[in-house]
């Protein structure tokens, strides 16, 4: 049962979506779904972009709370959250500091490793160092140190943009070039074969809880941008086809990652479960997608929760924080 008693129907919610990142289209789809769900739950809600008119609007007609449905840097690097803090506007989700930590994958992985949470070995390589030290020598050393196959992805970013699996050393240079098109720093990670799962974590008032894991089965074996948002390219299983013991370990690991990064309200933890049933955290998203094919809504449905009522409860928590 979701408690929405602390969220009066007159509560006015502003949904921020769009932005100027590569994930703008996905964000707009997320925003529209959030908007419809909040209205269905009986709240007054409107959606707008995070553009030059936002701050005047917040000053002249401040909402009771904001739901951030922006993906990419605008919604996830903490900067917008910091601006909302300056304006005294409460919002759903973690604070600016935690968002910054989770947004930068090498930083987040270091914090997870320090907390004893398993995450694949990696190296973060800025484009400038890549060029200065000599691309061939650097790539040879990476392949020697981490082994093949490797996963190459932007150090900051989401939706699988710029990500590639490298199974042969000869393919590594092209993967790095593709990655640098989206970010100035590449994260090169040891590829762990296994089952891709995502665990959404929500806190509706009684502490963080892990929703059922969603298993991801992309047709081409890589959960890239096309696989995420093109109908027919990926199959999802919610809940994931895991044994009870492995499902428990996955949930425990996701909760530990959520807490290690200092997150609140909601997050999505992406993991790989290896052949021995051990979960490894790949990354943590503080502004999960909310589209028809997004993983958090699938997990909410698998848990038997009402999506709109869940969002309304999170809004209620944000409003309460603002009044404290």
Protein backbone atom coordinates (compact mmCIF):
# COMPACT_ATOMS: atom_id res chain seq x y z
CA UNK A 1 0.00 0.00 0.00
CA UNK A 2 1.37 3.43 -0.99
CA UNK A 3 0.74 6.25 1.44
CA UNK A 4 -0.21 9.41 -0.46
CA UNK A 5 -1.98 11.04 2.49
CA UNK A 6 0.86 13.56 2.79
CA UNK A 7 0.35 14.75 -0.77
CA UNK A 8 -2.71 17.02 -0.96
CA UNK A 9 -4.51 17.13 -4.30
CA UNK A 10 -3.86 20.88 -4.51
CA UNK A 11 -0.12 20.23 -4.57
CA UNK A 12 1.29 21.77 -7.75
CA UNK A 13 4.11 19.83 -9.38
CA UNK A 14 6.45 21.02 -12.11
CA UNK A 15 7.91 18.27 -14.32
CA UNK A 16 11.17 19.29 -15.97
CA UNK A 17 11.94 17.48 -19.23
CA UNK A 18 13.80 18.02 -22.49
CA UNK A 19 17.11 19.79 -22.06
CA UNK A 20 19.91 20.00 -24.59
CA UNK A 21 21.64 16.65 -24.06
CA UNK A 22 21.80 13.76 -26.53
CA UNK A 23 18.96 12.24 -24.53
CA UNK A 24 16.47 15.07 -25.11
CA UNK A 25 13.91 12.96 -26.98
CA UNK A 26 13.95 10.26 -24.31
CA UNK A 27 13.59 12.90 -21.61
CA UNK A 28 10.52 14.39 -23.29
CA UNK A 29 8.93 10.94 -23.41
CA UNK A 30 9.76 10.39 -19.74
CA UNK A 31 8.34 13.78 -18.84
CA UNK A 32 5.05 13.21 -20.61
CA UNK A 33 4.58 9.87 -18.88
CA UNK A 34 5.34 11.35 -15.47
CA UNK A 35 2.96 14.23 -16.17
CA UNK A 36 0.12 11.91 -17.12
CA UNK A 37 0.75 9.67 -14.09
CA UNK A 38 0.75 12.58 -11.62
CA UNK A 39 -2.47 13.95 -13.06
CA UNK A 40 -4.04 10.49 -12.93
CA UNK A 41 -3.08 10.40 -9.23
CA UNK A 42 -5.05 13.61 -8.72
CA UNK A 43 -2.23 16.15 -8.56
CA UNK A 44 -1.97 19.43 -10.45
CA UNK A 45 1.04 19.14 -12.73
CA UNK A 46 2.60 20.84 -15.71
CA UNK A 47 5.69 20.13 -17.81
CA UNK A 48 8.29 22.55 -19.08
CA UNK A 49 11.83 22.63 -20.40
CA UNK A 50 14.85 23.75 -18.42
CA UNK A 51 15.53 26.86 -20.50
CA UNK A 52 16.06 30.60 -19.94
CA UNK A 53 12.46 31.07 -18.84
CA UNK A 54 12.72 28.58 -15.98
CA UNK A 55 14.18 30.80 -13.26
CA UNK A 56 11.70 33.66 -13.81
CA UNK A 57 8.90 31.12 -13.66
CA UNK A 58 10.20 29.62 -10.42
CA UNK A 59 10.39 33.09 -8.91
CA UNK A 60 6.96 34.28 -10.05
CA UNK A 61 5.00 31.05 -9.64
CA UNK A 62 7.01 28.56 -7.56
CA UNK A 63 5.70 24.99 -7.61
CA UNK A 64 5.30 22.96 -4.45
CA UNK A 65 7.80 20.44 -5.82
CA UNK A 66 9.73 19.54 -8.96
CA UNK A 67 10.09 16.16 -10.59
CA UNK A 68 13.26 16.01 -12.70
CA UNK A 69 12.70 13.93 -15.83
CA UNK A 70 15.80 15.29 -17.52
CA UNK A 71 18.41 12.77 -18.62
CA UNK A 72 22.06 13.36 -19.38
CA UNK A 73 24.10 16.09 -17.72
CA UNK A 74 21.24 18.53 -17.17
CA UNK A 75 19.27 16.16 -15.02
CA UNK A 76 21.99 14.04 -13.49
CA UNK A 77 25.18 16.01 -12.84
CA UNK A 78 23.78 17.92 -9.87
CA UNK A 79 23.90 21.40 -11.41
CA UNK A 80 20.15 21.84 -11.84
CA UNK A 81 19.53 20.45 -8.37
CA UNK A 82 21.92 23.05 -7.00
CA UNK A 83 19.95 25.81 -8.74
CA UNK A 84 16.69 24.46 -7.31
CA UNK A 85 18.30 24.48 -3.86
CA UNK A 86 19.24 28.14 -4.34
CA UNK A 87 15.64 28.88 -5.27
CA UNK A 88 14.31 26.99 -2.27
CA UNK A 89 12.29 24.63 -4.47
CA UNK A 90 12.05 21.03 -3.19
CA UNK A 91 12.47 18.23 -5.70
CA UNK A 92 12.18 14.48 -5.93
CA UNK A 93 15.50 12.66 -5.85
CA UNK A 94 18.96 12.97 -4.37
CA UNK A 95 20.71 16.24 -3.61
CA UNK A 96 23.26 17.94 -5.84
CA UNK A 97 26.33 16.43 -4.18
CA UNK A 98 25.12 12.83 -4.48
CA UNK A 99 24.07 13.42 -8.08
CA UNK A 100 27.55 14.67 -8.98
CA UNK A 101 29.14 11.58 -7.46
CA UNK A 102 26.84 9.13 -9.22
CA UNK A 103 27.05 10.98 -12.56
CA UNK A 104 30.81 10.51 -12.86
CA UNK A 105 31.20 6.76 -13.33
CA UNK A 106 34.89 6.50 -12.27
CA UNK A 107 34.14 8.43 -9.07
CA UNK A 108 31.06 6.33 -8.34
CA UNK A 109 32.95 3.10 -8.98
CA UNK A 110 35.73 4.21 -6.62
CA UNK A 111 33.18 4.88 -3.88
CA UNK A 112 31.50 1.53 -4.48
CA UNK A 113 34.83 -0.27 -4.34
CA UNK A 114 35.73 1.51 -1.09
CA UNK A 115 32.39 0.35 0.37
CA UNK A 116 33.19 -3.23 -0.56
CA UNK A 117 30.59 -3.35 -3.35
CA UNK A 118 31.77 -5.37 -6.36
CA UNK A 119 32.25 -3.48 -9.62
CA UNK A 120 34.36 -4.54 -12.64
CA UNK A 121 38.00 -3.37 -12.80
CA UNK A 122 38.43 -0.25 -14.90
CA UNK A 123 40.61 2.59 -16.07
CA UNK A 124 39.41 6.13 -16.86
CA UNK A 125 41.26 7.76 -19.73
CA UNK A 126 40.85 11.43 -20.71
CA UNK A 127 41.22 12.15 -24.42
CA UNK A 128 44.21 14.44 -23.82
CA UNK A 129 46.16 11.75 -21.94
CA UNK A 130 45.18 9.24 -24.60
CA UNK A 131 46.83 11.43 -27.24
CA UNK A 132 49.82 12.60 -25.20
CA UNK A 133 50.88 9.14 -24.05
CA UNK A 134 50.46 7.54 -27.46
CA UNK A 135 47.25 5.76 -28.37
CA UNK A 136 48.83 2.45 -29.41
CA UNK A 137 50.96 2.09 -26.27
CA UNK A 138 48.06 3.04 -24.00
CA UNK A 139 45.62 0.64 -25.64
CA UNK A 140 48.14 -2.20 -25.57
CA UNK A 141 48.65 -1.68 -21.85
CA UNK A 142 44.91 -1.52 -21.16
CA UNK A 143 44.27 -4.76 -23.01
CA UNK A 144 47.19 -6.39 -21.18
CA UNK A 145 46.05 -5.17 -17.76
CA UNK A 146 42.28 -5.72 -17.99
CA UNK A 147 42.16 -8.47 -20.59
CA UNK A 148 39.60 -8.98 -23.34
CA UNK A 149 36.75 -8.50 -23.88
CA UNK A 150 36.36 -4.92 -22.65
CA UNK A 151 33.48 -2.49 -22.28
CA UNK A 152 34.15 1.06 -23.47
CA UNK A 153 31.73 3.81 -22.48
CA UNK A 154 31.69 7.53 -21.67
CA UNK A 155 32.70 8.37 -18.12
CA UNK A 156 29.63 10.59 -17.95
CA UNK A 157 26.40 9.93 -19.80
CA UNK A 158 23.63 7.43 -20.20
CA UNK A 159 21.26 5.59 -22.54
CA UNK A 160 24.14 3.49 -23.86
CA UNK A 161 25.37 6.33 -26.10
CA UNK A 162 29.00 5.86 -27.11
CA UNK A 163 29.22 2.42 -25.50
CA UNK A 164 30.74 -0.62 -27.20
CA UNK A 165 31.92 -4.11 -26.34
CA UNK A 166 35.44 -4.80 -27.60
CA UNK A 167 36.22 -8.47 -28.15
CA UNK A 168 39.42 -8.06 -30.19
CA UNK A 169 42.31 -5.66 -29.59
CA UNK A 170 42.05 -4.40 -33.17
CA UNK A 171 38.56 -3.02 -32.45
CA UNK A 172 39.63 -1.00 -29.41
CA UNK A 173 40.81 2.18 -31.25
CA UNK A 174 37.49 2.58 -33.08
CA UNK A 175 35.56 2.04 -29.84
CA UNK A 176 37.60 4.76 -28.14
CA UNK A 177 36.97 7.20 -31.00
CA UNK A 178 33.24 6.47 -30.82
CA UNK A 179 33.26 7.00 -27.06
CA UNK A 180 35.15 10.30 -27.28
CA UNK A 181 32.40 11.63 -29.56
CA UNK A 182 30.18 11.75 -26.45
CA UNK A 183 32.60 12.56 -23.66
CA UNK A 184 36.16 13.77 -23.18
CA UNK A 185 36.89 10.85 -20.86
CA UNK A 186 36.44 7.16 -21.65
CA UNK A 187 35.79 4.50 -19.06
CA UNK A 188 37.34 1.22 -20.14
CA UNK A 189 36.01 -1.63 -18.04
CA UNK A 190 36.63 -5.33 -17.82
CA UNK A 191 33.69 -6.98 -19.54
CA UNK A 192 31.87 -9.42 -17.27
CA UNK A 193 29.70 -11.88 -19.20
CA UNK A 194 26.43 -12.76 -17.57
CA UNK A 195 22.85 -11.61 -17.09
CA UNK A 196 22.09 -7.90 -17.34
CA UNK A 197 19.68 -6.71 -14.67
CA UNK A 198 18.47 -3.38 -13.35
CA UNK A 199 17.20 -2.84 -9.82
CA UNK A 200 15.13 0.24 -9.05
CA UNK A 201 15.31 1.50 -5.47
CA UNK A 202 12.52 3.65 -4.04
CA UNK A 203 11.85 5.12 -0.62
CA UNK A 204 8.18 5.79 -0.02
CA UNK A 205 8.62 6.69 3.62
CA UNK A 206 9.78 3.55 5.38
CA UNK A 207 13.34 3.41 4.04
CA UNK A 208 14.82 2.37 0.68
CA UNK A 209 13.38 -0.79 -0.83
CA UNK A 210 14.56 -2.71 -3.88
CA UNK A 211 11.86 -3.39 -6.45
CA UNK A 212 11.98 -6.65 -8.43
CA UNK A 213 15.02 -6.86 -10.70
CA UNK A 214 14.34 -6.44 -14.41
CA UNK A 215 16.31 -8.75 -16.70
CA UNK A 216 17.51 -7.23 -19.97
CA UNK A 217 17.99 -9.40 -23.06
CA UNK A 218 19.11 -7.31 -26.07
CA UNK A 219 18.87 -9.12 -29.40
CA UNK A 220 22.41 -8.12 -30.45
CA UNK A 221 23.89 -8.80 -27.01
CA UNK A 222 24.60 -5.14 -26.19
CA UNK A 223 22.14 -2.86 -24.42
CA UNK A 224 23.00 0.25 -26.44
CA UNK A 225 20.82 3.25 -27.38
CA UNK A 226 19.07 1.44 -30.23
CA UNK A 227 18.38 -1.62 -28.07
CA UNK A 228 16.87 0.57 -25.35
CA UNK A 229 14.49 2.61 -27.44
CA UNK A 230 13.73 0.62 -30.60
CA UNK A 231 10.74 -1.71 -30.39
CA UNK A 232 11.63 -5.37 -30.86
CA UNK A 233 15.37 -5.10 -30.21
CA UNK A 234 15.22 -6.02 -26.52
CA UNK A 235 13.20 -8.38 -24.37
CA UNK A 236 12.65 -7.60 -20.69
CA UNK A 237 11.69 -10.00 -17.93
CA UNK A 238 10.16 -8.47 -14.80
CA UNK A 239 10.88 -9.98 -12.40
CA UNK A 240 14.22 -11.29 -13.67
CA UNK A 241 14.66 -15.02 -14.13
CA UNK A 242 16.91 -15.45 -11.10
CA UNK A 243 16.88 -17.92 -8.25
CA UNK A 244 15.60 -16.62 -4.94
CA UNK A 245 19.11 -16.57 -3.51
CA UNK A 246 20.59 -14.64 -6.44
CA UNK A 247 17.62 -12.25 -6.55
CA UNK A 248 18.22 -11.54 -2.86
CA UNK A 249 21.91 -10.88 -3.43
CA UNK A 250 21.12 -8.57 -6.33
CA UNK A 251 18.62 -6.59 -4.25
CA UNK A 252 21.05 -6.35 -1.33
CA UNK A 253 23.84 -5.11 -3.61
CA UNK A 254 21.59 -2.50 -5.23
CA UNK A 255 20.50 -1.17 -1.85
CA UNK A 256 24.12 -1.02 -0.70
CA UNK A 257 25.08 0.97 -3.82
CA UNK A 258 22.16 3.37 -3.34
CA UNK A 259 23.21 4.04 0.24
CA UNK A 260 26.96 4.16 -0.43
CA UNK A 261 26.42 7.06 -2.86
CA UNK A 262 24.14 8.90 -0.46
CA UNK A 263 21.06 8.74 -2.68
CA UNK A 264 17.43 9.28 -1.69
CA UNK A 265 13.89 8.80 -3.01
CA UNK A 266 14.71 6.76 -6.09
CA UNK A 267 17.53 5.41 -8.21
CA UNK A 268 18.25 2.64 -10.68
CA UNK A 269 21.23 0.38 -10.18
CA UNK A 270 22.53 -1.47 -13.24
CA UNK A 271 24.27 -4.78 -12.57
CA UNK A 272 25.63 -7.86 -14.28
CA UNK A 273 25.16 -11.25 -12.65
CA UNK A 274 28.07 -13.53 -13.56
CA UNK A 275 27.95 -17.27 -14.20
CA UNK A 276 28.40 -18.00 -10.48
CA UNK A 277 25.45 -15.81 -9.48
CA UNK A 278 27.55 -12.92 -8.18
CA UNK A 279 26.27 -9.38 -8.88
CA UNK A 280 28.60 -6.62 -10.08
CA UNK A 281 27.48 -2.98 -10.16
CA UNK A 282 27.98 -1.28 -13.51
CA UNK A 283 26.48 2.11 -12.69
CA UNK A 284 23.82 4.02 -10.79
CA UNK A 285 21.30 6.39 -12.38
CA UNK A 286 19.71 9.15 -10.26
CA UNK A 287 17.22 10.23 -12.94
CA UNK A 288 15.93 6.92 -14.36
CA UNK A 289 13.98 6.80 -17.59
CA UNK A 290 10.20 6.81 -17.25
CA UNK A 291 9.20 5.87 -20.82
CA UNK A 292 7.06 2.92 -21.86
CA UNK A 293 10.18 0.76 -22.23
CA UNK A 294 12.10 2.14 -19.26
CA UNK A 295 13.22 -0.16 -16.49
CA UNK A 296 11.88 1.60 -13.41
CA UNK A 297 8.23 1.59 -14.58
CA UNK A 298 8.59 -2.11 -15.45
CA UNK A 299 9.84 -2.79 -11.92
CA UNK A 300 7.00 -0.75 -10.41
CA UNK A 301 4.50 -2.82 -12.37
CA UNK A 302 6.19 -6.08 -11.33
CA UNK A 303 5.90 -5.01 -7.68
CA UNK A 304 2.18 -4.38 -8.17
CA UNK A 305 2.45 -0.67 -7.39
CA UNK A 306 0.52 2.14 -9.05
CA UNK A 307 3.01 4.29 -10.95
CA UNK A 308 1.16 7.57 -10.39
CA UNK A 309 0.56 6.94 -6.69
CA UNK A 310 4.23 6.06 -6.25
CA UNK A 311 5.27 9.34 -7.86
CA UNK A 312 2.73 11.21 -5.74
CA UNK A 313 4.21 9.67 -2.59
CA UNK A 314 7.70 10.77 -3.65
CA UNK A 315 6.36 14.27 -4.32
CA UNK A 316 4.86 14.28 -0.84
CA UNK A 317 8.26 13.43 0.65
CA UNK A 318 9.88 16.28 -1.30
CA UNK A 319 7.24 18.76 -0.15
CA UNK A 320 7.75 17.66 3.46
CA UNK A 321 11.51 18.21 3.14
CA UNK A 322 10.87 21.70 1.81
CA UNK A 323 8.64 22.51 4.75
CA UNK A 324 11.10 21.19 7.33
